[in-house]
Amino acid sequence: KNCSDRMCVQQMLPNIFQRQPLTCYYALAFAISWGAVFLLIGPNGFPASPESADSYLPFVVVATLLGPSVAGIVTTFIVQGRSG
């Protein structure tokens, strides 16, 4: 197969989603949710004091809820196309 790396990924990704949509959905939801939480917390880790931890809580909740929602939309779009 003669293709650039980007082209191969673009061809392979929809095939994986077509064959294993539920597994891909869960993996994507997990990656988005925890990736967003780690981006919010930052490289310094969790805040040390309870007061500063409480200020992060609403953003962490939104980030964890965003993962399944976005993963569902992305998976539906890849598997069903624009009509899904």
N, C-alpha and C. Protein backbone atom coordinates (compact mmCIF):
# COMPACT_ATOMS: atom_id res chain seq x y z
N LYS A 1 0.84 -1.18 0.00
CA LYS A 1 0.00 0.00 0.00
C LYS A 1 0.89 1.24 0.00
N ASN A 2 0.71 2.09 -0.95
CA ASN A 2 1.54 3.27 -1.08
C ASN A 2 0.70 4.50 -0.75
N CYS A 3 0.82 4.99 0.47
CA CYS A 3 0.10 6.20 0.86
C CYS A 3 0.87 6.92 1.95
N SER A 4 0.60 8.21 2.07
CA SER A 4 1.24 8.96 3.14
C SER A 4 0.62 8.56 4.48
N ASP A 5 1.30 8.86 5.57
CA ASP A 5 0.80 8.48 6.89
C ASP A 5 -0.57 9.09 7.17
N ARG A 6 -0.75 10.33 6.83
CA ARG A 6 -2.03 11.02 7.07
C ARG A 6 -3.14 10.37 6.26
N MET A 7 -2.87 10.02 5.03
CA MET A 7 -3.88 9.41 4.16
C MET A 7 -4.28 8.04 4.68
N CYS A 8 -3.30 7.26 5.17
CA CYS A 8 -3.61 5.94 5.70
C CYS A 8 -4.49 6.03 6.94
N VAL A 9 -4.20 7.00 7.81
CA VAL A 9 -5.01 7.17 9.02
C VAL A 9 -6.42 7.58 8.64
N GLN A 10 -6.57 8.48 7.67
CA GLN A 10 -7.89 8.92 7.24
C GLN A 10 -8.69 7.77 6.64
N GLN A 11 -8.05 6.82 6.02
CA GLN A 11 -8.75 5.68 5.45
C GLN A 11 -9.03 4.60 6.49
N MET A 12 -8.13 4.44 7.47
CA MET A 12 -8.25 3.38 8.44
C MET A 12 -9.23 3.72 9.57
N LEU A 13 -9.29 4.98 9.98
CA LEU A 13 -10.12 5.38 11.11
C LEU A 13 -11.60 5.08 10.89
N PRO A 14 -12.20 5.46 9.77
CA PRO A 14 -13.61 5.10 9.57
C PRO A 14 -13.84 3.58 9.56
N ASN A 15 -12.90 2.80 9.06
CA ASN A 15 -13.05 1.35 9.05
C ASN A 15 -13.10 0.80 10.47
N ILE A 16 -12.27 1.32 11.35
CA ILE A 16 -12.28 0.86 12.74
C ILE A 16 -13.61 1.21 13.39
N PHE A 17 -14.10 2.42 13.16
CA PHE A 17 -15.39 2.83 13.73
C PHE A 17 -16.54 2.02 13.15
N GLN A 18 -16.46 1.65 11.88
CA GLN A 18 -17.52 0.84 11.26
C GLN A 18 -17.55 -0.57 11.86
N ARG A 19 -16.38 -1.14 12.13
CA ARG A 19 -16.32 -2.51 12.64
C ARG A 19 -16.60 -2.60 14.13
N GLN A 20 -16.13 -1.63 14.90
CA GLN A 20 -16.27 -1.66 16.37
C GLN A 20 -16.79 -0.32 16.89
N PRO A 21 -18.02 0.07 16.55
CA PRO A 21 -18.48 1.41 16.94
C PRO A 21 -18.61 1.60 18.46
N LEU A 22 -19.07 0.58 19.17
CA LEU A 22 -19.26 0.73 20.61
C LEU A 22 -17.92 0.86 21.34
N THR A 23 -16.97 0.04 20.96
CA THR A 23 -15.64 0.13 21.56
C THR A 23 -15.00 1.48 21.28
N CYS A 24 -15.13 1.95 20.06
CA CYS A 24 -14.57 3.26 19.70
C CYS A 24 -15.27 4.38 20.45
N TYR A 25 -16.59 4.26 20.63
CA TYR A 25 -17.33 5.27 21.39
C TYR A 25 -16.80 5.36 22.82
N TYR A 26 -16.67 4.21 23.48
CA TYR A 26 -16.19 4.22 24.87
C TYR A 26 -14.76 4.75 24.97
N ALA A 27 -13.91 4.36 24.06
CA ALA A 27 -12.53 4.83 24.08
C ALA A 27 -12.47 6.35 23.86
N LEU A 28 -13.26 6.83 22.93
CA LEU A 28 -13.30 8.26 22.64
C LEU A 28 -13.89 9.04 23.81
N ALA A 29 -14.96 8.55 24.40
CA ALA A 29 -15.57 9.22 25.56
C ALA A 29 -14.58 9.29 26.73
N PHE A 30 -13.90 8.20 26.98
CA PHE A 30 -12.90 8.17 28.05
C PHE A 30 -11.78 9.17 27.77
N ALA A 31 -11.27 9.16 26.56
CA ALA A 31 -10.15 10.05 26.20
C ALA A 31 -10.55 11.52 26.29
N ILE A 32 -11.74 11.85 25.82
CA ILE A 32 -12.19 13.25 25.85
C ILE A 32 -12.42 13.69 27.29
N SER A 33 -13.13 12.87 28.06
CA SER A 33 -13.45 13.24 29.45
C SER A 33 -12.20 13.43 30.29
N TRP A 34 -11.35 12.44 30.32
CA TRP A 34 -10.16 12.53 31.16
C TRP A 34 -9.13 13.48 30.59
N GLY A 35 -9.06 13.59 29.27
CA GLY A 35 -8.16 14.58 28.67
C GLY A 35 -8.55 15.99 29.06
N ALA A 36 -9.85 16.27 29.04
CA ALA A 36 -10.32 17.60 29.44
C ALA A 36 -10.06 17.86 30.91
N VAL A 37 -10.26 16.86 31.75
CA VAL A 37 -9.98 17.03 33.18
C VAL A 37 -8.50 17.31 33.40
N PHE A 38 -7.64 16.57 32.75
CA PHE A 38 -6.21 16.80 32.93
C PHE A 38 -5.78 18.16 32.38
N LEU A 39 -6.42 18.62 31.32
CA LEU A 39 -6.12 19.96 30.82
C LEU A 39 -6.58 21.04 31.80
N LEU A 40 -7.72 20.81 32.43
CA LEU A 40 -8.22 21.78 33.41
C LEU A 40 -7.34 21.84 34.66
N ILE A 41 -6.92 20.69 35.13
CA ILE A 41 -6.13 20.63 36.35
C ILE A 41 -4.73 21.21 36.10
N GLY A 42 -4.18 20.92 34.93
CA GLY A 42 -2.89 21.47 34.58
C GLY A 42 -1.72 20.61 35.01
N PRO A 43 -0.52 21.04 34.69
CA PRO A 43 0.67 20.24 34.98
C PRO A 43 1.03 20.22 36.48
N ASN A 44 0.45 21.11 37.27
CA ASN A 44 0.78 21.16 38.69
C ASN A 44 0.00 20.14 39.51
N GLY A 45 -0.93 19.45 38.89
CA GLY A 45 -1.70 18.44 39.62
C GLY A 45 -2.91 19.03 40.31
N PHE A 46 -3.50 18.23 41.19
CA PHE A 46 -4.69 18.67 41.90
C PHE A 46 -4.34 19.75 42.90
N PRO A 47 -5.25 20.71 43.08
CA PRO A 47 -4.98 21.76 44.07
C PRO A 47 -4.89 21.17 45.48
N ALA A 48 -4.05 21.76 46.29
CA ALA A 48 -3.79 21.21 47.62
C ALA A 48 -4.90 21.56 48.62
N SER A 49 -5.45 22.74 48.55
CA SER A 49 -6.44 23.14 49.55
C SER A 49 -7.86 22.83 49.07
N PRO A 50 -8.75 22.52 50.01
CA PRO A 50 -10.15 22.23 49.63
C PRO A 50 -10.84 23.43 48.98
N GLU A 51 -10.48 24.63 49.36
CA GLU A 51 -11.09 25.83 48.78
C GLU A 51 -10.77 25.95 47.29
N SER A 52 -9.52 25.73 46.95
CA SER A 52 -9.16 25.83 45.53
C SER A 52 -9.68 24.63 44.75
N ALA A 53 -9.82 23.48 45.39
CA ALA A 53 -10.40 22.31 44.71
C ALA A 53 -11.88 22.55 44.40
N ASP A 54 -12.59 23.23 45.30
CA ASP A 54 -14.00 23.52 45.07
C ASP A 54 -14.21 24.44 43.87
N SER A 55 -13.25 25.31 43.60
CA SER A 55 -13.40 26.20 42.45
C SER A 55 -13.26 25.45 41.12
N TYR A 56 -12.58 24.31 41.13
CA TYR A 56 -12.41 23.51 39.92
C TYR A 56 -13.61 22.59 39.64
N LEU A 57 -14.39 22.28 40.67
CA LEU A 57 -15.42 21.26 40.57
C LEU A 57 -16.42 21.49 39.42
N PRO A 58 -17.01 22.69 39.25
CA PRO A 58 -17.96 22.84 38.13
C PRO A 58 -17.33 22.56 36.76
N PHE A 59 -16.10 22.99 36.59
CA PHE A 59 -15.43 22.77 35.31
C PHE A 59 -15.11 21.30 35.07
N VAL A 60 -14.74 20.61 36.12
CA VAL A 60 -14.44 19.18 36.01
C VAL A 60 -15.71 18.40 35.68
N VAL A 61 -16.83 18.76 36.30
CA VAL A 61 -18.11 18.09 36.01
C VAL A 61 -18.49 18.30 34.55
N VAL A 62 -18.38 19.53 34.07
CA VAL A 62 -18.71 19.80 32.67
C VAL A 62 -17.78 19.03 31.74
N ALA A 63 -16.51 18.98 32.07
CA ALA A 63 -15.54 18.25 31.24
C ALA A 63 -15.87 16.77 31.17
N THR A 64 -16.27 16.18 32.30
CA THR A 64 -16.58 14.75 32.29
C THR A 64 -17.89 14.47 31.56
N LEU A 65 -18.82 15.40 31.59
CA LEU A 65 -20.08 15.22 30.85
C LEU A 65 -19.91 15.48 29.36
N LEU A 66 -18.93 16.27 29.02
CA LEU A 66 -18.68 16.59 27.62
C LEU A 66 -18.18 15.39 26.84
N GLY A 67 -17.41 14.52 27.47
CA GLY A 67 -16.82 13.37 26.79
C GLY A 67 -17.84 12.46 26.12
N PRO A 68 -18.82 11.92 26.86
CA PRO A 68 -19.81 11.04 26.23
C PRO A 68 -20.65 11.75 25.16
N SER A 69 -20.97 13.00 25.39
CA SER A 69 -21.78 13.74 24.41
C SER A 69 -21.03 13.92 23.09
N VAL A 70 -19.82 14.41 23.18
CA VAL A 70 -19.02 14.64 21.98
C VAL A 70 -18.68 13.31 21.30
N ALA A 71 -18.36 12.30 22.10
CA ALA A 71 -18.04 10.98 21.53
C ALA A 71 -19.24 10.40 20.79
N GLY A 72 -20.43 10.59 21.32
CA GLY A 72 -21.64 10.11 20.65
C GLY A 72 -21.86 10.80 19.32
N ILE A 73 -21.67 12.10 19.28
CA ILE A 73 -21.86 12.85 18.04
C ILE A 73 -20.80 12.46 17.01
N VAL A 74 -19.55 12.37 17.44
CA VAL A 74 -18.46 12.01 16.52
C VAL A 74 -18.65 10.58 15.99
N THR A 75 -18.98 9.65 16.87
CA THR A 75 -19.17 8.26 16.45
C THR A 75 -20.34 8.13 15.48
N THR A 76 -21.44 8.81 15.78
CA THR A 76 -22.59 8.78 14.87
C THR A 76 -22.23 9.36 13.52
N PHE A 77 -21.50 10.46 13.51
CA PHE A 77 -21.11 11.08 12.24
C PHE A 77 -20.21 10.17 11.42
N ILE A 78 -19.26 9.50 12.08
CA ILE A 78 -18.35 8.63 11.35
C ILE A 78 -19.06 7.38 10.84
N VAL A 79 -19.92 6.80 11.67
CA VAL A 79 -20.58 5.53 11.30
C VAL A 79 -21.74 5.77 10.34
N GLN A 80 -22.59 6.75 10.63
CA GLN A 80 -23.80 6.98 9.83
C GLN A 80 -23.63 8.04 8.75
N GLY A 81 -22.61 8.84 8.86
CA GLY A 81 -22.43 9.93 7.92
C GLY A 81 -23.26 11.14 8.34
N ARG A 82 -23.38 12.08 7.44
CA ARG A 82 -24.10 13.32 7.73
C ARG A 82 -25.59 13.06 8.00
N SER A 83 -26.16 12.04 7.43
CA SER A 83 -27.58 11.75 7.61
C SER A 83 -27.90 11.21 9.00
N GLY A 84 -26.90 10.68 9.72
CA GLY A 84 -27.10 10.10 11.05
C GLY A 84 -27.37 11.15 12.06
